[in-house]
Amino acid sequence: MGSFAAMKEGSAARYGHAPKDANRKVAAEGIEALKEVSEDLDQLLGQLIGGVQAGMGYLGAATLADLRAKARYTRISPAGQKEAAPHDVVEMKASS
């Protein structure tokens, strides 16, 4: 997947297009955007590392090699995703 600009910049071959097709109309599968960073890199990396460590714990993987060996991918339907998400919960916010 890539934006039109990414394909035109030279990634066309990666997306299955010949270089001569770069100027033809292609169907982009992405967009280009900038996102303002809302936290520092240290916090973000800490959250990512924590998530990987939690997943490793669920699998009983002590190393990244163990994680690769034990990881299994499961296809979940949209209905299953909806059911797995929190539902029938009323959000309560404390007044300040």
PDB file of N, CA and C in Angstrom:
ATOM      1  N   MET A   1       0.844  -1.170   0.000  1.00  0.00           N
ATOM      2  CA  MET A   1       0.000   0.000   0.000  1.00  0.00           C
ATOM      3  C   MET A   1       0.886   1.229   0.000  1.00  0.00           C
ATOM      4  N   GLY A   2       0.466   2.218  -0.693  1.00  0.00           N
ATOM      5  CA  GLY A   2       1.234   3.444  -0.705  1.00  0.00           C
ATOM      6  C   GLY A   2       0.431   4.586  -1.275  1.00  0.00           C
ATOM      7  N   SER A   3       0.857   5.781  -0.953  1.00  0.00           N
ATOM      8  CA  SER A   3       0.206   6.960  -1.497  1.00  0.00           C
ATOM      9  C   SER A   3       0.655   7.154  -2.935  1.00  0.00           C
ATOM     10  N   PHE A   4      -0.050   7.988  -3.654  1.00  0.00           N
ATOM     11  CA  PHE A   4       0.307   8.283  -5.035  1.00  0.00           C
ATOM     12  C   PHE A   4       1.725   8.829  -5.108  1.00  0.00           C
ATOM     13  N   ALA A   5       2.067   9.730  -4.194  1.00  0.00           N
ATOM     14  CA  ALA A   5       3.409  10.325  -4.202  1.00  0.00           C
ATOM     15  C   ALA A   5       4.479   9.280  -3.934  1.00  0.00           C
ATOM     16  N   ALA A   6       4.205   8.336  -3.030  1.00  0.00           N
ATOM     17  CA  ALA A   6       5.191   7.289  -2.730  1.00  0.00           C
ATOM     18  C   ALA A   6       5.449   6.433  -3.955  1.00  0.00           C
ATOM     19  N   MET A   7       4.407   6.114  -4.696  1.00  0.00           N
ATOM     20  CA  MET A   7       4.584   5.302  -5.897  1.00  0.00           C
ATOM     21  C   MET A   7       5.321   6.088  -6.971  1.00  0.00           C
ATOM     22  N   LYS A   8       5.018   7.360  -7.086  1.00  0.00           N
ATOM     23  CA  LYS A   8       5.654   8.196  -8.100  1.00  0.00           C
ATOM     24  C   LYS A   8       7.123   8.466  -7.764  1.00  0.00           C
ATOM     25  N   GLU A   9       7.465   8.500  -6.463  1.00  0.00           N
ATOM     26  CA  GLU A   9       8.831   8.784  -6.018  1.00  0.00           C
ATOM     27  C   GLU A   9       9.791   7.635  -6.259  1.00  0.00           C
ATOM     28  N   GLY A  10       9.315   6.512  -6.714  1.00  0.00           N
ATOM     29  CA  GLY A  10      10.223   5.413  -6.987  1.00  0.00           C
ATOM     30  C   GLY A  10       9.853   4.116  -6.316  1.00  0.00           C
ATOM     31  N   SER A  11       8.775   4.106  -5.589  1.00  0.00           N
ATOM     32  CA  SER A  11       8.351   2.874  -4.940  1.00  0.00           C
ATOM     33  C   SER A  11       7.375   2.097  -5.810  1.00  0.00           C
ATOM     34  N   ALA A  12       7.236   2.494  -7.059  1.00  0.00           N
ATOM     35  CA  ALA A  12       6.266   1.848  -7.943  1.00  0.00           C
ATOM     36  C   ALA A  12       6.512   0.351  -8.052  1.00  0.00           C
ATOM     37  N   ALA A  13       7.775  -0.056  -8.182  1.00  0.00           N
ATOM     38  CA  ALA A  13       8.088  -1.481  -8.324  1.00  0.00           C
ATOM     39  C   ALA A  13       7.634  -2.253  -7.094  1.00  0.00           C
ATOM     40  N   ARG A  14       7.762  -1.638  -5.943  1.00  0.00           N
ATOM     41  CA  ARG A  14       7.338  -2.290  -4.700  1.00  0.00           C
ATOM     42  C   ARG A  14       5.852  -2.588  -4.723  1.00  0.00           C
ATOM     43  N   TYR A  15       5.089  -1.763  -5.434  1.00  0.00           N
ATOM     44  CA  TYR A  15       3.644  -1.928  -5.488  1.00  0.00           C
ATOM     45  C   TYR A  15       3.181  -2.605  -6.775  1.00  0.00           C
ATOM     46  N   GLY A  16       4.125  -3.225  -7.503  1.00  0.00           N
ATOM     47  CA  GLY A  16       3.772  -3.995  -8.683  1.00  0.00           C
ATOM     48  C   GLY A  16       3.585  -3.190  -9.950  1.00  0.00           C
ATOM     49  N   HIS A  17       4.145  -2.000 -10.013  1.00  0.00           N
ATOM     50  CA  HIS A  17       4.040  -1.172 -11.210  1.00  0.00           C
ATOM     51  C   HIS A  17       5.409  -1.042 -11.861  1.00  0.00           C
ATOM     52  N   ALA A  18       5.436  -1.080 -13.180  1.00  0.00           N
ATOM     53  CA  ALA A  18       6.686  -0.877 -13.911  1.00  0.00           C
ATOM     54  C   ALA A  18       7.038   0.605 -13.874  1.00  0.00           C
ATOM     55  N   PRO A  19       8.359   0.952 -13.957  1.00  0.00           N
ATOM     56  CA  PRO A  19       8.758   2.363 -13.938  1.00  0.00           C
ATOM     57  C   PRO A  19       8.057   3.195 -15.013  1.00  0.00           C
ATOM     58  N   LYS A  20       7.798   2.599 -16.182  1.00  0.00           N
ATOM     59  CA  LYS A  20       7.137   3.357 -17.258  1.00  0.00           C
ATOM     60  C   LYS A  20       5.695   3.709 -16.907  1.00  0.00           C
ATOM     61  N   ASP A  21       5.126   3.018 -15.928  1.00  0.00           N
ATOM     62  CA  ASP A  21       3.746   3.275 -15.527  1.00  0.00           C
ATOM     63  C   ASP A  21       3.626   4.378 -14.480  1.00  0.00           C
ATOM     64  N   ALA A  22       4.753   4.948 -14.066  1.00  0.00           N
ATOM     65  CA  ALA A  22       4.742   5.906 -12.954  1.00  0.00           C
ATOM     66  C   ALA A  22       3.848   7.106 -13.219  1.00  0.00           C
ATOM     67  N   ASN A  23       3.722   7.518 -14.475  1.00  0.00           N
ATOM     68  CA  ASN A  23       2.900   8.691 -14.779  1.00  0.00           C
ATOM     69  C   ASN A  23       1.451   8.334 -15.084  1.00  0.00           C
ATOM     70  N   ARG A  24       1.168   7.050 -15.219  1.00  0.00           N
ATOM     71  CA  ARG A  24      -0.216   6.638 -15.436  1.00  0.00           C
ATOM     72  C   ARG A  24      -0.997   6.796 -14.151  1.00  0.00           C
ATOM     73  N   LYS A  25      -2.287   6.884 -14.306  1.00  0.00           N
ATOM     74  CA  LYS A  25      -3.122   6.975 -13.109  1.00  0.00           C
ATOM     75  C   LYS A  25      -3.073   5.630 -12.385  1.00  0.00           C
ATOM     76  N   VAL A  26      -2.750   5.675 -11.119  1.00  0.00           N
ATOM     77  CA  VAL A  26      -2.705   4.464 -10.311  1.00  0.00           C
ATOM     78  C   VAL A  26      -3.672   4.620  -9.148  1.00  0.00           C
ATOM     79  N   ALA A  27      -4.066   3.514  -8.600  1.00  0.00           N
ATOM     80  CA  ALA A  27      -4.969   3.553  -7.452  1.00  0.00           C
ATOM     81  C   ALA A  27      -4.135   3.540  -6.177  1.00  0.00           C
ATOM     82  N   ALA A  28      -4.023   4.669  -5.551  1.00  0.00           N
ATOM     83  CA  ALA A  28      -3.254   4.762  -4.307  1.00  0.00           C
ATOM     84  C   ALA A  28      -4.010   4.057  -3.192  1.00  0.00           C
ATOM     85  N   GLU A  29      -3.270   3.410  -2.315  1.00  0.00           N
ATOM     86  CA  GLU A  29      -3.883   2.708  -1.195  1.00  0.00           C
ATOM     87  C   GLU A  29      -3.488   3.335   0.129  1.00  0.00           C
ATOM     88  N   GLY A  30      -3.097   4.581   0.102  1.00  0.00           N
ATOM     89  CA  GLY A  30      -2.693   5.240   1.331  1.00  0.00           C
ATOM     90  C   GLY A  30      -2.786   6.737   1.160  1.00  0.00           C
ATOM     91  N   ILE A  31      -2.485   7.453   2.196  1.00  0.00           N
ATOM     92  CA  ILE A  31      -2.491   8.910   2.157  1.00  0.00           C
ATOM     93  C   ILE A  31      -1.205   9.416   2.780  1.00  0.00           C
ATOM     94  N   GLU A  32      -0.925  10.666   2.540  1.00  0.00           N
ATOM     95  CA  GLU A  32       0.214  11.314   3.180  1.00  0.00           C
ATOM     96  C   GLU A  32      -0.335  12.283   4.205  1.00  0.00           C
ATOM     97  N   ALA A  33       0.239  12.242   5.378  1.00  0.00           N
ATOM     98  CA  ALA A  33      -0.232  13.134   6.432  1.00  0.00           C
ATOM     99  C   ALA A  33       0.868  13.349   7.453  1.00  0.00           C
ATOM    100  N   LEU A  34       0.766  14.435   8.155  1.00  0.00           N
ATOM    101  CA  LEU A  34       1.651  14.713   9.278  1.00  0.00           C
ATOM    102  C   LEU A  34       0.828  14.615  10.544  1.00  0.00           C
ATOM    103  N   LYS A  35       1.416  14.075  11.578  1.00  0.00           N
ATOM    104  CA  LYS A  35       0.722  13.975  12.854  1.00  0.00           C
ATOM    105  C   LYS A  35       1.596  14.616  13.917  1.00  0.00           C
ATOM    106  N   GLU A  36       1.001  15.496  14.669  1.00  0.00           N
ATOM    107  CA  GLU A  36       1.733  16.146  15.751  1.00  0.00           C
ATOM    108  C   GLU A  36       1.986  15.136  16.864  1.00  0.00           C
ATOM    109  N   VAL A  37       3.195  15.106  17.329  1.00  0.00           N
ATOM    110  CA  VAL A  37       3.558  14.188  18.404  1.00  0.00           C
ATOM    111  C   VAL A  37       3.039  14.754  19.714  1.00  0.00           C
ATOM    112  N   SER A  38       2.343  13.919  20.466  1.00  0.00           N
ATOM    113  CA  SER A  38       1.740  14.414  21.697  1.00  0.00           C
ATOM    114  C   SER A  38       2.497  13.985  22.954  1.00  0.00           C
ATOM    115  N   GLU A  39       3.526  13.171  22.787  1.00  0.00           N
ATOM    116  CA  GLU A  39       4.317  12.763  23.942  1.00  0.00           C
ATOM    117  C   GLU A  39       5.763  12.604  23.510  1.00  0.00           C
ATOM    118  N   ASP A  40       6.656  12.534  24.475  1.00  0.00           N
ATOM    119  CA  ASP A  40       8.050  12.410  24.084  1.00  0.00           C
ATOM    120  C   ASP A  40       8.361  10.968  23.687  1.00  0.00           C
ATOM    121  N   LEU A  41       9.442  10.808  22.964  1.00  0.00           N
ATOM    122  CA  LEU A  41       9.822   9.513  22.417  1.00  0.00           C
ATOM    123  C   LEU A  41      10.037   8.483  23.517  1.00  0.00           C
ATOM    124  N   ASP A  42      10.585   8.911  24.633  1.00  0.00           N
ATOM    125  CA  ASP A  42      10.836   7.996  25.741  1.00  0.00           C
ATOM    126  C   ASP A  42       9.538   7.356  26.230  1.00  0.00           C
ATOM    127  N   GLN A  43       8.485   8.160  26.368  1.00  0.00           N
ATOM    128  CA  GLN A  43       7.187   7.629  26.807  1.00  0.00           C
ATOM    129  C   GLN A  43       6.614   6.670  25.772  1.00  0.00           C
ATOM    130  N   LEU A  44       6.674   7.072  24.508  1.00  0.00           N
ATOM    131  CA  LEU A  44       6.121   6.251  23.438  1.00  0.00           C
ATOM    132  C   LEU A  44       6.830   4.904  23.355  1.00  0.00           C
ATOM    133  N   LEU A  45       8.160   4.926  23.373  1.00  0.00           N
ATOM    134  CA  LEU A  45       8.911   3.673  23.314  1.00  0.00           C
ATOM    135  C   LEU A  45       8.642   2.818  24.543  1.00  0.00           C
ATOM    136  N   GLY A  46       8.498   3.449  25.686  1.00  0.00           N
ATOM    137  CA  GLY A  46       8.177   2.704  26.904  1.00  0.00           C
ATOM    138  C   GLY A  46       6.857   1.957  26.780  1.00  0.00           C
ATOM    139  N   GLN A  47       5.854   2.611  26.187  1.00  0.00           N
ATOM    140  CA  GLN A  47       4.557   1.967  25.989  1.00  0.00           C
ATOM    141  C   GLN A  47       4.663   0.815  24.995  1.00  0.00           C
ATOM    142  N   LEU A  48       5.402   1.033  23.902  1.00  0.00           N
ATOM    143  CA  LEU A  48       5.564  -0.027  22.903  1.00  0.00           C
ATOM    144  C   LEU A  48       6.302  -1.227  23.489  1.00  0.00           C
ATOM    145  N   ILE A  49       7.378  -0.963  24.210  1.00  0.00           N
ATOM    146  CA  ILE A  49       8.152  -2.046  24.829  1.00  0.00           C
ATOM    147  C   ILE A  49       7.291  -2.789  25.847  1.00  0.00           C
ATOM    148  N   GLY A  50       6.526  -2.046  26.628  1.00  0.00           N
ATOM    149  CA  GLY A  50       5.636  -2.681  27.603  1.00  0.00           C
ATOM    150  C   GLY A  50       4.613  -3.589  26.940  1.00  0.00           C
ATOM    151  N   GLY A  51       4.083  -3.161  25.808  1.00  0.00           N
ATOM    152  CA  GLY A  51       3.121  -3.990  25.075  1.00  0.00           C
ATOM    153  C   GLY A  51       3.745  -5.270  24.557  1.00  0.00           C
ATOM    154  N   VAL A  52       4.962  -5.161  24.017  1.00  0.00           N
ATOM    155  CA  VAL A  52       5.671  -6.351  23.525  1.00  0.00           C
ATOM    156  C   VAL A  52       5.976  -7.286  24.690  1.00  0.00           C
ATOM    157  N   GLN A  53       6.423  -6.724  25.814  1.00  0.00           N
ATOM    158  CA  GLN A  53       6.727  -7.555  26.985  1.00  0.00           C
ATOM    159  C   GLN A  53       5.476  -8.263  27.503  1.00  0.00           C
ATOM    160  N   ALA A  54       4.341  -7.581  27.490  1.00  0.00           N
ATOM    161  CA  ALA A  54       3.092  -8.211  27.929  1.00  0.00           C
ATOM    162  C   ALA A  54       2.740  -9.377  27.013  1.00  0.00           C
ATOM    163  N   GLY A  55       2.858  -9.161  25.709  1.00  0.00           N
ATOM    164  CA  GLY A  55       2.584 -10.235  24.759  1.00  0.00           C
ATOM    165  C   GLY A  55       3.520 -11.412  24.943  1.00  0.00           C
ATOM    166  N   MET A  56       4.790 -11.114  25.213  1.00  0.00           N
ATOM    167  CA  MET A  56       5.761 -12.182  25.460  1.00  0.00           C
ATOM    168  C   MET A  56       5.369 -12.973  26.704  1.00  0.00           C
ATOM    169  N   GLY A  57       4.884 -12.274  27.717  1.00  0.00           N
ATOM    170  CA  GLY A  57       4.451 -12.952  28.937  1.00  0.00           C
ATOM    171  C   GLY A  57       3.273 -13.876  28.686  1.00  0.00           C
ATOM    172  N   TYR A  58       2.293 -13.421  27.875  1.00  0.00           N
ATOM    173  CA  TYR A  58       1.132 -14.258  27.566  1.00  0.00           C
ATOM    174  C   TYR A  58       1.552 -15.542  26.863  1.00  0.00           C
ATOM    175  N   LEU A  59       2.601 -15.457  26.038  1.00  0.00           N
ATOM    176  CA  LEU A  59       3.062 -16.616  25.270  1.00  0.00           C
ATOM    177  C   LEU A  59       4.119 -17.434  25.995  1.00  0.00           C
ATOM    178  N   GLY A  60       4.610 -16.940  27.112  1.00  0.00           N
ATOM    179  CA  GLY A  60       5.686 -17.635  27.811  1.00  0.00           C
ATOM    180  C   GLY A  60       6.996 -17.546  27.056  1.00  0.00           C
ATOM    181  N   ALA A  61       7.201 -16.434  26.365  1.00  0.00           N
ATOM    182  CA  ALA A  61       8.415 -16.234  25.567  1.00  0.00           C
ATOM    183  C   ALA A  61       9.408 -15.392  26.354  1.00  0.00           C
ATOM    184  N   ALA A  62      10.606 -15.934  26.565  1.00  0.00           N
ATOM    185  CA  ALA A  62      11.631 -15.214  27.326  1.00  0.00           C
ATOM    186  C   ALA A  62      12.476 -14.319  26.434  1.00  0.00           C
ATOM    187  N   THR A  63      12.546 -14.632  25.145  1.00  0.00           N
ATOM    188  CA  THR A  63      13.365 -13.860  24.211  1.00  0.00           C
ATOM    189  C   THR A  63      12.548 -13.530  22.970  1.00  0.00           C
ATOM    190  N   LEU A  64      13.069 -12.610  22.154  1.00  0.00           N
ATOM    191  CA  LEU A  64      12.380 -12.293  20.901  1.00  0.00           C
ATOM    192  C   LEU A  64      12.347 -13.503  19.975  1.00  0.00           C
ATOM    193  N   ALA A  65      13.382 -14.344  20.022  1.00  0.00           N
ATOM    194  CA  ALA A  65      13.385 -15.566  19.211  1.00  0.00           C
ATOM    195  C   ALA A  65      12.243 -16.487  19.648  1.00  0.00           C
ATOM    196  N   ASP A  66      12.030 -16.600  20.963  1.00  0.00           N
ATOM    197  CA  ASP A  66      10.903 -17.391  21.474  1.00  0.00           C
ATOM    198  C   ASP A  66       9.578 -16.801  20.998  1.00  0.00           C
ATOM    199  N   LEU A  67       9.484 -15.480  21.024  1.00  0.00           N
ATOM    200  CA  LEU A  67       8.262 -14.808  20.584  1.00  0.00           C
ATOM    201  C   LEU A  67       7.956 -15.148  19.133  1.00  0.00           C
ATOM    202  N   ARG A  68       8.975 -15.070  18.281  1.00  0.00           N
ATOM    203  CA  ARG A  68       8.778 -15.409  16.866  1.00  0.00           C
ATOM    204  C   ARG A  68       8.325 -16.856  16.704  1.00  0.00           C
ATOM    205  N   ALA A  69       8.915 -17.746  17.474  1.00  0.00           N
ATOM    206  CA  ALA A  69       8.593 -19.169  17.350  1.00  0.00           C
ATOM    207  C   ALA A  69       7.190 -19.493  17.869  1.00  0.00           C
ATOM    208  N   LYS A  70       6.758 -18.801  18.913  1.00  0.00           N
ATOM    209  CA  LYS A  70       5.486 -19.132  19.560  1.00  0.00           C
ATOM    210  C   LYS A  70       4.301 -18.313  19.061  1.00  0.00           C
ATOM    211  N   ALA A  71       4.563 -17.249  18.327  1.00  0.00           N
ATOM    212  CA  ALA A  71       3.484 -16.362  17.885  1.00  0.00           C
ATOM    213  C   ALA A  71       2.554 -17.088  16.920  1.00  0.00           C
ATOM    214  N   ARG A  72       1.265 -16.874  17.084  1.00  0.00           N
ATOM    215  CA  ARG A  72       0.250 -17.420  16.191  1.00  0.00           C
ATOM    216  C   ARG A  72      -0.709 -16.289  15.843  1.00  0.00           C
ATOM    217  N   TYR A  73      -1.086 -16.226  14.582  1.00  0.00           N
ATOM    218  CA  TYR A  73      -2.017 -15.196  14.140  1.00  0.00           C
ATOM    219  C   TYR A  73      -3.400 -15.810  14.016  1.00  0.00           C
ATOM    220  N   THR A  74      -4.388 -15.093  14.480  1.00  0.00           N
ATOM    221  CA  THR A  74      -5.762 -15.560  14.433  1.00  0.00           C
ATOM    222  C   THR A  74      -6.603 -14.523  13.714  1.00  0.00           C
ATOM    223  N   ARG A  75      -7.382 -14.979  12.770  1.00  0.00           N
ATOM    224  CA  ARG A  75      -8.274 -14.072  12.045  1.00  0.00           C
ATOM    225  C   ARG A  75      -9.550 -13.902  12.869  1.00  0.00           C
ATOM    226  N   ILE A  76      -9.929 -12.652  13.095  1.00  0.00           N
ATOM    227  CA  ILE A  76     -11.122 -12.359  13.884  1.00  0.00           C
ATOM    228  C   ILE A  76     -12.080 -11.548  13.021  1.00  0.00           C
ATOM    229  N   SER A  77     -13.332 -11.952  12.984  1.00  0.00           N
ATOM    230  CA  SER A  77     -14.336 -11.252  12.183  1.00  0.00           C
ATOM    231  C   SER A  77     -14.654  -9.899  12.820  1.00  0.00           C
ATOM    232  N   PRO A  78     -15.225  -8.979  12.032  1.00  0.00           N
ATOM    233  CA  PRO A  78     -15.629  -7.688  12.608  1.00  0.00           C
ATOM    234  C   PRO A  78     -16.602  -7.864  13.781  1.00  0.00           C
ATOM    235  N   ALA A  79     -17.491  -8.852  13.690  1.00  0.00           N
ATOM    236  CA  ALA A  79     -18.429  -9.094  14.792  1.00  0.00           C
ATOM    237  C   ALA A  79     -17.674  -9.551  16.037  1.00  0.00           C
ATOM    238  N   GLY A  80     -16.651 -10.379  15.843  1.00  0.00           N
ATOM    239  CA  GLY A  80     -15.840 -10.838  16.968  1.00  0.00           C
ATOM    240  C   GLY A  80     -15.068  -9.700  17.607  1.00  0.00           C
ATOM    241  N   GLN A  81     -14.550  -8.787  16.771  1.00  0.00           N
ATOM    242  CA  GLN A  81     -13.835  -7.625  17.301  1.00  0.00           C
ATOM    243  C   GLN A  81     -14.769  -6.758  18.136  1.00  0.00           C
ATOM    244  N   LYS A  82     -15.980  -6.577  17.625  1.00  0.00           N
ATOM    245  CA  LYS A  82     -16.941  -5.747  18.349  1.00  0.00           C
ATOM    246  C   LYS A  82     -17.301  -6.391  19.684  1.00  0.00           C
ATOM    247  N   GLU A  83     -17.485  -7.709  19.673  1.00  0.00           N
ATOM    248  CA  GLU A  83     -17.848  -8.417  20.901  1.00  0.00           C
ATOM    249  C   GLU A  83     -16.709  -8.405  21.913  1.00  0.00           C
ATOM    250  N   ALA A  84     -15.452  -8.447  21.430  1.00  0.00           N
ATOM    251  CA  ALA A  84     -14.294  -8.475  22.324  1.00  0.00           C
ATOM    252  C   ALA A  84     -14.018  -7.113  22.957  1.00  0.00           C
ATOM    253  N   ALA A  85     -14.502  -6.053  22.337  1.00  0.00           N
ATOM    254  CA  ALA A  85     -14.273  -4.702  22.856  1.00  0.00           C
ATOM    255  C   ALA A  85     -15.207  -4.445  24.037  1.00  0.00           C
ATOM    256  N   PRO A  86     -14.846  -3.508  24.907  1.00  0.00           N
ATOM    257  CA  PRO A  86     -15.756  -3.171  26.011  1.00  0.00           C
ATOM    258  C   PRO A  86     -17.104  -2.706  25.461  1.00  0.00           C
ATOM    259  N   HIS A  87     -18.176  -3.238  26.010  1.00  0.00           N
ATOM    260  CA  HIS A  87     -19.512  -2.844  25.571  1.00  0.00           C
ATOM    261  C   HIS A  87     -20.465  -2.923  26.753  1.00  0.00           C
ATOM    262  N   ASP A  88     -21.613  -2.321  26.591  1.00  0.00           N
ATOM    263  CA  ASP A  88     -22.603  -2.246  27.667  1.00  0.00           C
ATOM    264  C   ASP A  88     -22.014  -1.633  28.933  1.00  0.00           C
ATOM    265  N   VAL A  89     -21.137  -0.651  28.739  1.00  0.00           N
ATOM    266  CA  VAL A  89     -20.496   0.025  29.859  1.00  0.00           C
ATOM    267  C   VAL A  89     -20.808   1.510  29.747  1.00  0.00           C
ATOM    268  N   VAL A  90     -21.205   2.104  30.837  1.00  0.00           N
ATOM    269  CA  VAL A  90     -21.450   3.538  30.860  1.00  0.00           C
ATOM    270  C   VAL A  90     -20.199   4.193  31.410  1.00  0.00           C
ATOM    271  N   GLU A  91     -19.611   5.089  30.625  1.00  0.00           N
ATOM    272  CA  GLU A  91     -18.385   5.756  31.057  1.00  0.00           C
ATOM    273  C   GLU A  91     -18.719   6.814  32.096  1.00  0.00           C
ATOM    274  N   MET A  92     -18.014   6.767  33.195  1.00  0.00           N
ATOM    275  CA  MET A  92     -18.213   7.739  34.265  1.00  0.00           C
ATOM    276  C   MET A  92     -16.947   8.561  34.403  1.00  0.00           C
ATOM    277  N   LYS A  93     -17.092   9.860  34.436  1.00  0.00           N
ATOM    278  CA  LYS A  93     -15.950  10.743  34.631  1.00  0.00           C
ATOM    279  C   LYS A  93     -16.132  11.476  35.947  1.00  0.00           C
ATOM    280  N   ALA A  94     -15.073  11.509  36.715  1.00  0.00           N
ATOM    281  CA  ALA A  94     -15.119  12.231  37.985  1.00  0.00           C
ATOM    282  C   ALA A  94     -15.151  13.725  37.714  1.00  0.00           C
ATOM    283  N   SER A  95     -16.018  14.428  38.397  1.00  0.00           N
ATOM    284  CA  SER A  95     -16.049  15.879  38.223  1.00  0.00           C
ATOM    285  C   SER A  95     -14.913  16.500  39.008  1.00  0.00           C
ATOM    286  N   SER A  96     -14.335  17.552  38.443  1.00  0.00           N
ATOM    287  CA  SER A  96     -13.182  18.173  39.110  1.00  0.00           C
ATOM    288  C   SER A  96     -13.566  19.349  39.942  1.00  0.00           C
TER     289      SER A  96
END
